[in-house]
Amino acid sequence: MITVSLCMIVKNEEDTIGRCLGSVKDLVDEIVIVDTGSSDKTKEIVFHYTDRVIDFHWINDFAAARNFAFSQAKMDYIFWLDADDVLLEEDRQKFLSLKKSLHPSIDSVTMIYNLSFDDNGNVTASLRRNRLVKRQNNFQWIGVVHEYLEVWGDILHSDVGVTHNRIHHDSDRNLRIYENRLNQGEQFSPRDLFYFGNELFDHHQIEKAITFYIQFLNTKKGWVEDNISACGRMADCYNALGDKEHELHYLLKSFEYDSPRAEFCCRLGNMAFEEHQYERAIFWYKLATQLGKPSDNMGLINHAFWTWLPHLKLCVCYDRLGNHELAYEHNEVARQYDPNHPSILHNKQYLEPLVKKTAKDDWL
């Protein structure tokens, strides 16, 4: 059985670090915590789980801190988490099974990163991250902000899930880092351009965000998932500016980078619906229902667009066209995915009498 080092970087995580470490302490063979300047009780809590707590002078570079943490590992494989991540019990068991069965030829293991949930605990957004990597390969983190782990070789896509449960976040930190780098005249990589655009968008600097997204796309060197995401963000920007023409342009532009994604099909359906073009909206919503959800895609997946949401939209479209039978059918499909959704339950109550009346009239 392989051995595993958990390597983390932390700062002022007293609200979350105990929960995180408690969920994995018996799954790993050592815990290495690199503290980048905590002033709260983070270290005090961490010492209940490990004595390998190492200080690292923060230099506004996440990759540097993570690479330092990885350099302290001693086991066969390195596992990483953020302080507001946990492994739920089902995933703890999956991790243990993976640890027992993993062949040492595997260079990296991806795990599902569950980012948000609905009121019933169902995952609504997730992506994949390289989470468990062979130490001897000396894989490196790249990027001072929104860093990524560059891996190669034999990669296994596992079914282990890591649950993100954010409690607090310095919402201005990343933007400040990017702005300081820009002011110092640093040349941004395509990835930097994309994520700086995201930070600007999140801080409602819409027109400036558009500038950096355009720069990013014009490099033609972006990761396909970032290209597609940038198109979605550009559409968001133009929607906020009330520019429907450019919003439509960037939704359609996403198809240049890969086969259609359900999120974009639904958004195109929404635009048609707003214009009362119900047949056109049905085309896009139907296409969304016919696409297969990617299972090993490393990009963000908003699961509603791939499951119940387009069926709910189709229900409304068919109702507007007076086809209550098809409206009811699609609502029932949506209900299989989310049986307690209030809109779905409302539609069921509204449509059932109409469908029964139509059936009775047809019989007569």
Protein backbone atom coordinates (compact mmCIF):
# COMPACT_ATOMS: atom_id res chain seq x y z
CA MET A 1 0.00 0.00 0.00
CA ILE A 2 1.27 3.46 -0.86
CA THR A 3 2.05 6.06 1.79
CA VAL A 4 0.65 9.59 1.63
CA SER A 5 1.79 13.02 2.83
CA LEU A 6 -0.88 15.67 3.26
CA CYS A 7 0.68 19.05 2.43
CA MET A 8 -1.22 22.28 3.06
CA ILE A 9 -0.59 26.01 3.18
CA VAL A 10 -2.62 27.96 5.73
CA LYS A 11 -3.09 31.41 7.23
CA ASN A 12 -5.63 32.36 9.89
CA GLU A 13 -7.76 29.27 9.39
CA GLU A 14 -8.88 28.67 12.98
CA ASP A 15 -12.52 28.33 11.92
CA THR A 16 -11.91 25.52 9.42
CA ILE A 17 -8.55 23.78 9.87
CA GLY A 18 -9.67 21.42 12.64
CA ARG A 19 -12.63 20.24 10.61
CA CYS A 20 -10.41 19.68 7.59
CA LEU A 21 -7.65 17.77 9.38
CA GLY A 22 -10.14 15.77 11.41
CA SER A 23 -11.65 14.42 8.20
CA VAL A 24 -8.34 13.03 6.87
CA LYS A 25 -6.02 12.48 9.84
CA ASP A 26 -6.40 8.68 9.76
CA LEU A 27 -6.13 8.45 5.97
CA VAL A 28 -2.65 9.92 5.52
CA ASP A 29 0.74 8.92 6.89
CA GLU A 30 2.02 12.40 7.66
CA ILE A 31 0.63 15.91 7.79
CA VAL A 32 2.78 18.85 6.74
CA ILE A 33 1.36 22.30 7.44
CA VAL A 34 3.08 25.38 6.05
CA ASP A 35 1.89 28.52 7.81
CA THR A 36 2.25 31.78 5.89
CA GLY A 37 1.69 34.15 8.79
CA SER A 38 -1.24 33.20 11.02
CA SER A 39 -2.10 35.56 13.85
CA ASP A 40 -5.03 33.53 15.23
CA LYS A 41 -5.19 30.05 16.81
CA THR A 42 -4.47 28.13 13.59
CA LYS A 43 -1.11 26.75 14.75
CA GLU A 44 -2.48 25.84 18.16
CA ILE A 45 -5.20 23.76 16.53
CA VAL A 46 -2.85 22.19 13.98
CA PHE A 47 -0.50 20.95 16.71
CA HIS A 48 -3.30 18.60 17.85
CA TYR A 49 -2.87 16.77 14.53
CA THR A 50 0.82 17.08 13.66
CA ASP A 51 4.11 18.51 14.88
CA ARG A 52 5.26 19.25 11.33
CA VAL A 53 4.29 22.91 11.25
CA ILE A 54 6.67 25.06 9.24
CA ASP A 55 6.68 28.83 8.84
CA PHE A 56 7.01 30.34 5.36
CA HIS A 57 7.44 34.04 4.68
CA TRP A 58 4.54 35.12 2.48
CA ILE A 59 5.72 36.70 -0.79
CA ASN A 60 2.34 37.06 -2.55
CA ASP A 61 3.00 33.85 -4.48
CA PHE A 62 0.75 30.85 -3.89
CA ALA A 63 2.78 28.54 -6.14
CA ALA A 64 5.95 29.29 -4.18
CA ALA A 65 4.23 28.45 -0.90
CA ARG A 66 2.71 25.23 -2.24
CA ASN A 67 5.98 24.12 -3.83
CA PHE A 68 7.74 24.69 -0.50
CA ALA A 69 5.09 22.61 1.26
CA PHE A 70 5.48 19.80 -1.29
CA SER A 71 9.26 19.87 -0.81
CA GLN A 72 8.77 18.91 2.84
CA ALA A 73 6.92 15.67 2.06
CA LYS A 74 8.54 12.31 2.78
CA MET A 75 5.95 9.73 1.68
CA ASP A 76 5.31 8.06 -1.69
CA TYR A 77 2.49 10.38 -2.73
CA ILE A 78 1.48 13.94 -1.87
CA PHE A 79 -2.16 14.87 -1.21
CA TRP A 80 -3.19 18.51 -0.93
CA LEU A 81 -6.22 20.33 0.45
CA ASP A 82 -7.24 23.85 1.36
CA ALA A 83 -8.29 24.55 4.92
CA ASP A 84 -11.97 24.86 4.00
CA ASP A 85 -12.03 21.45 2.29
CA VAL A 86 -13.23 18.22 3.89
CA LEU A 87 -13.69 14.59 2.96
CA LEU A 88 -17.17 13.35 3.80
CA GLU A 89 -17.54 9.83 5.13
CA GLU A 90 -18.39 8.26 1.77
CA ASP A 91 -15.34 9.87 0.22
CA ARG A 92 -13.16 8.90 3.16
CA GLN A 93 -13.94 5.26 2.42
CA LYS A 94 -13.27 5.78 -1.29
CA PHE A 95 -9.94 7.42 -0.47
CA LEU A 96 -8.96 4.51 1.74
CA SER A 97 -9.84 2.02 -0.99
CA LEU A 98 -7.85 4.06 -3.48
CA LYS A 99 -4.86 4.14 -1.18
CA LYS A 100 -4.95 0.37 -0.75
CA SER A 101 -5.31 -0.38 -4.46
CA LEU A 102 -3.33 2.37 -6.21
CA HIS A 103 -0.62 0.98 -8.46
CA PRO A 104 2.71 2.74 -7.97
CA SER A 105 2.95 3.38 -11.71
CA ILE A 106 0.22 6.04 -11.41
CA ASP A 107 1.71 9.53 -11.52
CA SER A 108 -1.35 11.58 -10.56
CA VAL A 109 -4.89 10.97 -9.34
CA THR A 110 -7.66 13.46 -10.06
CA MET A 111 -10.53 13.83 -7.63
CA ILE A 112 -13.90 15.54 -7.97
CA TYR A 113 -14.03 18.94 -6.30
CA ASN A 114 -17.60 19.58 -5.14
CA LEU A 115 -18.02 23.34 -4.92
CA SER A 116 -21.70 24.02 -4.20
CA PHE A 117 -24.85 22.20 -3.16
CA ASP A 118 -28.61 22.68 -3.23
CA ASP A 119 -30.90 22.55 -0.20
CA ASN A 120 -31.14 18.77 -0.53
CA GLY A 121 -27.37 18.30 -0.44
CA ASN A 122 -27.07 17.53 -4.15
CA VAL A 123 -23.94 18.80 -5.88
CA THR A 124 -24.73 21.73 -8.16
CA ALA A 125 -21.21 22.63 -9.34
CA SER A 126 -18.00 20.62 -9.50
CA LEU A 127 -14.73 20.20 -11.34
CA ARG A 128 -11.69 17.93 -11.20
CA ARG A 129 -8.29 18.67 -9.70
CA ASN A 130 -5.05 16.72 -9.62
CA ARG A 131 -5.07 15.89 -5.91
CA LEU A 132 -2.70 12.98 -5.26
CA VAL A 133 0.66 12.99 -7.01
CA LYS A 134 3.80 10.88 -6.93
CA ARG A 135 6.41 12.67 -4.83
CA GLN A 136 9.45 11.52 -6.79
CA ASN A 137 8.13 13.22 -9.94
CA ASN A 138 8.66 16.60 -8.27
CA PHE A 139 5.59 18.12 -9.91
CA GLN A 140 5.52 21.91 -9.58
CA TRP A 141 2.82 24.46 -8.90
CA ILE A 142 2.65 27.31 -11.41
CA GLY A 143 1.08 30.75 -11.01
CA VAL A 144 1.30 33.27 -8.18
CA VAL A 145 -2.53 33.38 -8.04
CA HIS A 146 -5.04 30.72 -9.13
CA GLU A 147 -2.09 28.36 -9.24
CA TYR A 148 -2.25 24.97 -10.89
CA LEU A 149 -0.27 21.78 -10.50
CA GLU A 150 1.51 20.78 -13.70
CA VAL A 151 1.46 16.99 -14.05
CA TRP A 152 2.16 14.40 -16.71
CA GLY A 153 2.36 10.67 -17.14
CA ASP A 154 -0.20 8.06 -16.15
CA ILE A 155 -3.20 9.89 -14.70
CA LEU A 156 -6.10 8.16 -12.95
CA HIS A 157 -9.53 9.81 -12.76
CA SER A 158 -10.94 8.60 -9.44
CA ASP A 159 -14.43 8.86 -7.95
CA VAL A 160 -13.17 10.35 -4.69
CA GLY A 161 -14.80 13.67 -3.90
CA VAL A 162 -13.38 16.61 -1.95
CA THR A 163 -16.05 18.91 -0.52
CA HIS A 164 -15.43 22.64 -0.45
CA ASN A 165 -17.13 24.33 2.48
CA ARG A 166 -16.01 27.95 2.50
CA ILE A 167 -16.56 29.99 5.64
CA HIS A 168 -14.52 33.11 4.91
CA HIS A 169 -12.36 34.50 2.15
CA ASP A 170 -10.34 37.66 1.55
CA SER A 171 -12.28 38.71 -1.54
CA ASP A 172 -9.83 41.49 -2.48
CA ARG A 173 -6.57 39.57 -1.99
CA ASN A 174 -6.19 38.12 -5.48
CA LEU A 175 -7.21 41.35 -7.17
CA ARG A 176 -4.59 43.25 -5.16
CA ILE A 177 -1.89 40.77 -6.17
CA TYR A 178 -2.75 41.06 -9.86
CA GLU A 179 -2.94 44.86 -9.74
CA ASN A 180 0.45 45.09 -8.00
CA ARG A 181 2.00 42.83 -10.63
CA LEU A 182 0.44 44.89 -13.41
CA ASN A 183 1.70 48.15 -11.87
CA GLN A 184 5.21 46.69 -11.72
CA GLY A 185 5.09 46.13 -15.47
CA GLU A 186 5.02 42.35 -15.30
CA GLN A 187 4.08 40.51 -18.49
CA PHE A 188 0.94 38.44 -17.87
CA SER A 189 0.64 34.90 -19.17
CA PRO A 190 -2.60 33.91 -20.96
CA ARG A 191 -3.75 32.25 -17.74
CA ASP A 192 -3.04 35.45 -15.78
CA LEU A 193 -5.05 37.50 -18.28
CA PHE A 194 -8.01 35.14 -17.88
CA TYR A 195 -7.99 35.08 -14.09
CA PHE A 196 -7.37 38.80 -13.79
CA GLY A 197 -10.45 39.24 -15.97
CA ASN A 198 -12.37 37.01 -13.56
CA GLU A 199 -11.26 39.06 -10.55
CA LEU A 200 -12.24 42.29 -12.29
CA PHE A 201 -15.64 40.85 -13.22
CA ASP A 202 -16.25 39.65 -9.66
CA HIS A 203 -15.46 43.17 -8.45
CA HIS A 204 -17.94 44.67 -10.95
CA GLN A 205 -15.26 46.30 -13.09
CA ILE A 206 -17.09 45.10 -16.18
CA GLU A 207 -15.51 47.11 -18.98
CA LYS A 208 -11.99 46.52 -17.69
CA ALA A 209 -12.76 42.79 -17.41
CA ILE A 210 -13.82 42.75 -21.07
CA THR A 211 -10.46 44.23 -22.05
CA PHE A 212 -8.52 41.44 -20.37
CA TYR A 213 -10.81 38.66 -21.60
CA ILE A 214 -10.29 39.91 -25.16
CA GLN A 215 -6.52 40.00 -24.61
CA PHE A 216 -6.70 36.45 -23.28
CA LEU A 217 -8.71 35.06 -26.19
CA ASN A 218 -6.52 36.87 -28.71
CA THR A 219 -3.43 35.03 -27.46
CA LYS A 220 -4.98 31.81 -28.81
CA LYS A 221 -2.90 30.00 -26.19
CA GLY A 222 -5.49 29.45 -23.49
CA TRP A 223 -6.62 26.11 -22.09
CA VAL A 224 -9.83 25.08 -23.88
CA GLU A 225 -11.87 25.19 -20.67
CA ASP A 226 -10.63 28.71 -19.91
CA ASN A 227 -11.47 29.77 -23.47
CA ILE A 228 -15.01 28.51 -23.07
CA SER A 229 -15.34 30.05 -19.62
CA ALA A 230 -14.05 33.38 -20.94
CA CYS A 231 -16.79 33.34 -23.59
CA GLY A 232 -19.36 32.80 -20.85
CA ARG A 233 -17.93 35.61 -18.76
CA MET A 234 -17.86 37.93 -21.80
CA ALA A 235 -21.53 37.12 -22.37
CA ASP A 236 -22.17 37.96 -18.70
CA CYS A 237 -20.36 41.26 -19.12
CA TYR A 238 -22.36 42.30 -22.16
CA ASN A 239 -25.57 41.15 -20.51
CA ALA A 240 -24.78 43.48 -17.61
CA LEU A 241 -24.19 46.28 -20.13
CA GLY A 242 -27.46 45.52 -21.93
CA ASP A 243 -25.63 44.64 -25.16
CA LYS A 244 -27.59 41.62 -26.45
CA GLU A 245 -25.75 41.48 -29.78
CA HIS A 246 -22.34 40.94 -28.19
CA GLU A 247 -23.82 38.65 -25.56
CA LEU A 248 -25.12 36.39 -28.33
CA HIS A 249 -21.81 36.62 -30.19
CA TYR A 250 -19.78 35.26 -27.28
CA LEU A 251 -22.26 32.52 -26.41
CA LEU A 252 -21.95 31.24 -29.98
CA LYS A 253 -18.19 31.79 -30.00
CA SER A 254 -17.86 29.16 -27.25
CA PHE A 255 -18.67 26.55 -29.92
CA GLU A 256 -15.39 27.37 -31.67
CA TYR A 257 -13.42 25.70 -28.89
CA ASP A 258 -15.29 22.45 -28.33
CA SER A 259 -18.62 20.71 -28.88
CA PRO A 260 -21.61 22.62 -27.45
CA ARG A 261 -21.92 22.73 -23.68
CA ALA A 262 -25.30 22.47 -22.00
CA GLU A 263 -24.75 25.70 -20.08
CA PHE A 264 -24.41 27.69 -23.30
CA CYS A 265 -27.31 25.94 -25.00
CA CYS A 266 -29.56 26.87 -22.10
CA ARG A 267 -28.35 30.45 -22.17
CA LEU A 268 -29.12 30.66 -25.88
CA GLY A 269 -32.52 29.20 -25.11
CA ASN A 270 -33.04 31.86 -22.46
CA MET A 271 -32.27 34.64 -24.93
CA ALA A 272 -34.79 33.23 -27.41
CA PHE A 273 -37.38 32.78 -24.65
CA GLU A 274 -37.02 36.40 -23.57
CA GLU A 275 -37.88 37.39 -27.14
CA HIS A 276 -40.93 35.06 -27.09
CA GLN A 277 -39.26 32.91 -29.75
CA TYR A 278 -40.42 29.69 -28.12
CA GLU A 279 -39.69 27.31 -31.00
CA ARG A 280 -36.12 28.59 -31.19
CA ALA A 281 -35.80 28.32 -27.44
CA ILE A 282 -37.04 24.72 -27.61
CA PHE A 283 -34.30 23.91 -30.12
CA TRP A 284 -31.56 25.02 -27.72
CA TYR A 285 -33.11 23.49 -24.60
CA LYS A 286 -33.61 20.17 -26.42
CA LEU A 287 -30.00 20.19 -27.53
CA ALA A 288 -28.96 20.65 -23.92
CA THR A 289 -30.91 17.52 -22.91
CA GLN A 290 -29.24 15.47 -25.65
CA LEU A 291 -25.65 16.20 -24.63
CA GLY A 292 -23.74 13.76 -22.47
CA LYS A 293 -22.35 15.18 -19.26
CA PRO A 294 -18.52 14.93 -19.35
CA SER A 295 -17.28 12.55 -16.67
CA ASP A 296 -13.55 13.32 -16.65
CA ASN A 297 -13.62 16.93 -17.78
CA MET A 298 -11.35 19.13 -15.68
CA GLY A 299 -13.48 22.23 -16.22
CA LEU A 300 -16.34 23.51 -14.08
CA ILE A 301 -19.66 21.71 -14.52
CA ASN A 302 -22.94 23.31 -13.44
CA HIS A 303 -24.97 20.15 -13.09
CA ALA A 304 -28.43 21.73 -13.34
CA PHE A 305 -27.85 22.59 -17.00
CA TRP A 306 -27.07 18.95 -17.75
CA THR A 307 -30.00 17.47 -15.85
CA TRP A 308 -33.28 19.07 -14.75
CA LEU A 309 -33.05 22.72 -15.81
CA PRO A 310 -33.50 22.39 -19.61
CA HIS A 311 -36.48 20.09 -19.03
CA LEU A 312 -38.04 22.68 -16.74
CA LYS A 313 -37.47 25.32 -19.42
CA LEU A 314 -38.99 23.03 -22.07
CA CYS A 315 -42.01 22.61 -19.84
CA VAL A 316 -42.55 26.37 -19.78
CA CYS A 317 -42.00 26.72 -23.53
CA TYR A 318 -44.50 24.00 -24.42
CA ASP A 319 -47.01 25.47 -22.00
CA ARG A 320 -46.68 28.85 -23.74
CA LEU A 321 -47.37 27.08 -27.04
CA GLY A 322 -50.44 25.37 -25.57
CA ASN A 323 -48.97 21.86 -25.65
CA HIS A 324 -49.70 20.86 -22.07
CA GLU A 325 -48.96 17.17 -22.61
CA LEU A 326 -45.36 17.80 -23.65
CA ALA A 327 -45.04 20.45 -20.95
CA TYR A 328 -46.12 17.88 -18.37
CA GLU A 329 -43.75 15.22 -19.74
CA HIS A 330 -40.72 17.46 -19.46
CA ASN A 331 -41.73 18.61 -16.00
CA GLU A 332 -41.90 14.98 -14.91
CA VAL A 333 -38.39 14.38 -16.26
CA ALA A 334 -37.19 17.41 -14.30
CA ARG A 335 -38.96 16.06 -11.22
CA GLN A 336 -36.94 12.84 -11.41
CA TYR A 337 -33.79 14.90 -10.86
CA ASP A 338 -35.15 17.36 -8.29
CA PRO A 339 -38.44 16.11 -6.81
CA ASN A 340 -38.75 18.92 -4.28
CA HIS A 341 -38.00 21.93 -6.46
CA PRO A 342 -40.83 24.44 -5.85
CA SER A 343 -41.19 25.44 -9.52
CA ILE A 344 -41.40 21.81 -10.59
CA LEU A 345 -44.01 21.05 -7.94
CA HIS A 346 -45.99 24.16 -8.94
CA ASN A 347 -45.93 23.07 -12.60
CA LYS A 348 -47.13 19.61 -11.68
CA GLN A 349 -50.07 21.00 -9.76
CA TYR A 350 -50.89 23.44 -12.55
CA LEU A 351 -50.52 21.03 -15.49
CA GLU A 352 -52.17 17.84 -14.19
CA PRO A 353 -55.77 19.18 -14.46
CA LEU A 354 -55.06 20.56 -17.94
CA VAL A 355 -53.62 17.24 -19.16
CA LYS A 356 -56.56 15.32 -17.73
CA LYS A 357 -59.00 17.71 -19.39
CA THR A 358 -57.24 17.34 -22.75
CA ALA A 359 -57.29 13.56 -22.43
CA LYS A 360 -61.01 13.63 -21.59
CA ASP A 361 -61.77 15.92 -24.54
CA ASP A 362 -59.82 13.69 -26.89
CA TRP A 363 -61.75 10.63 -25.66
CA LEU A 364 -65.09 12.36 -26.21
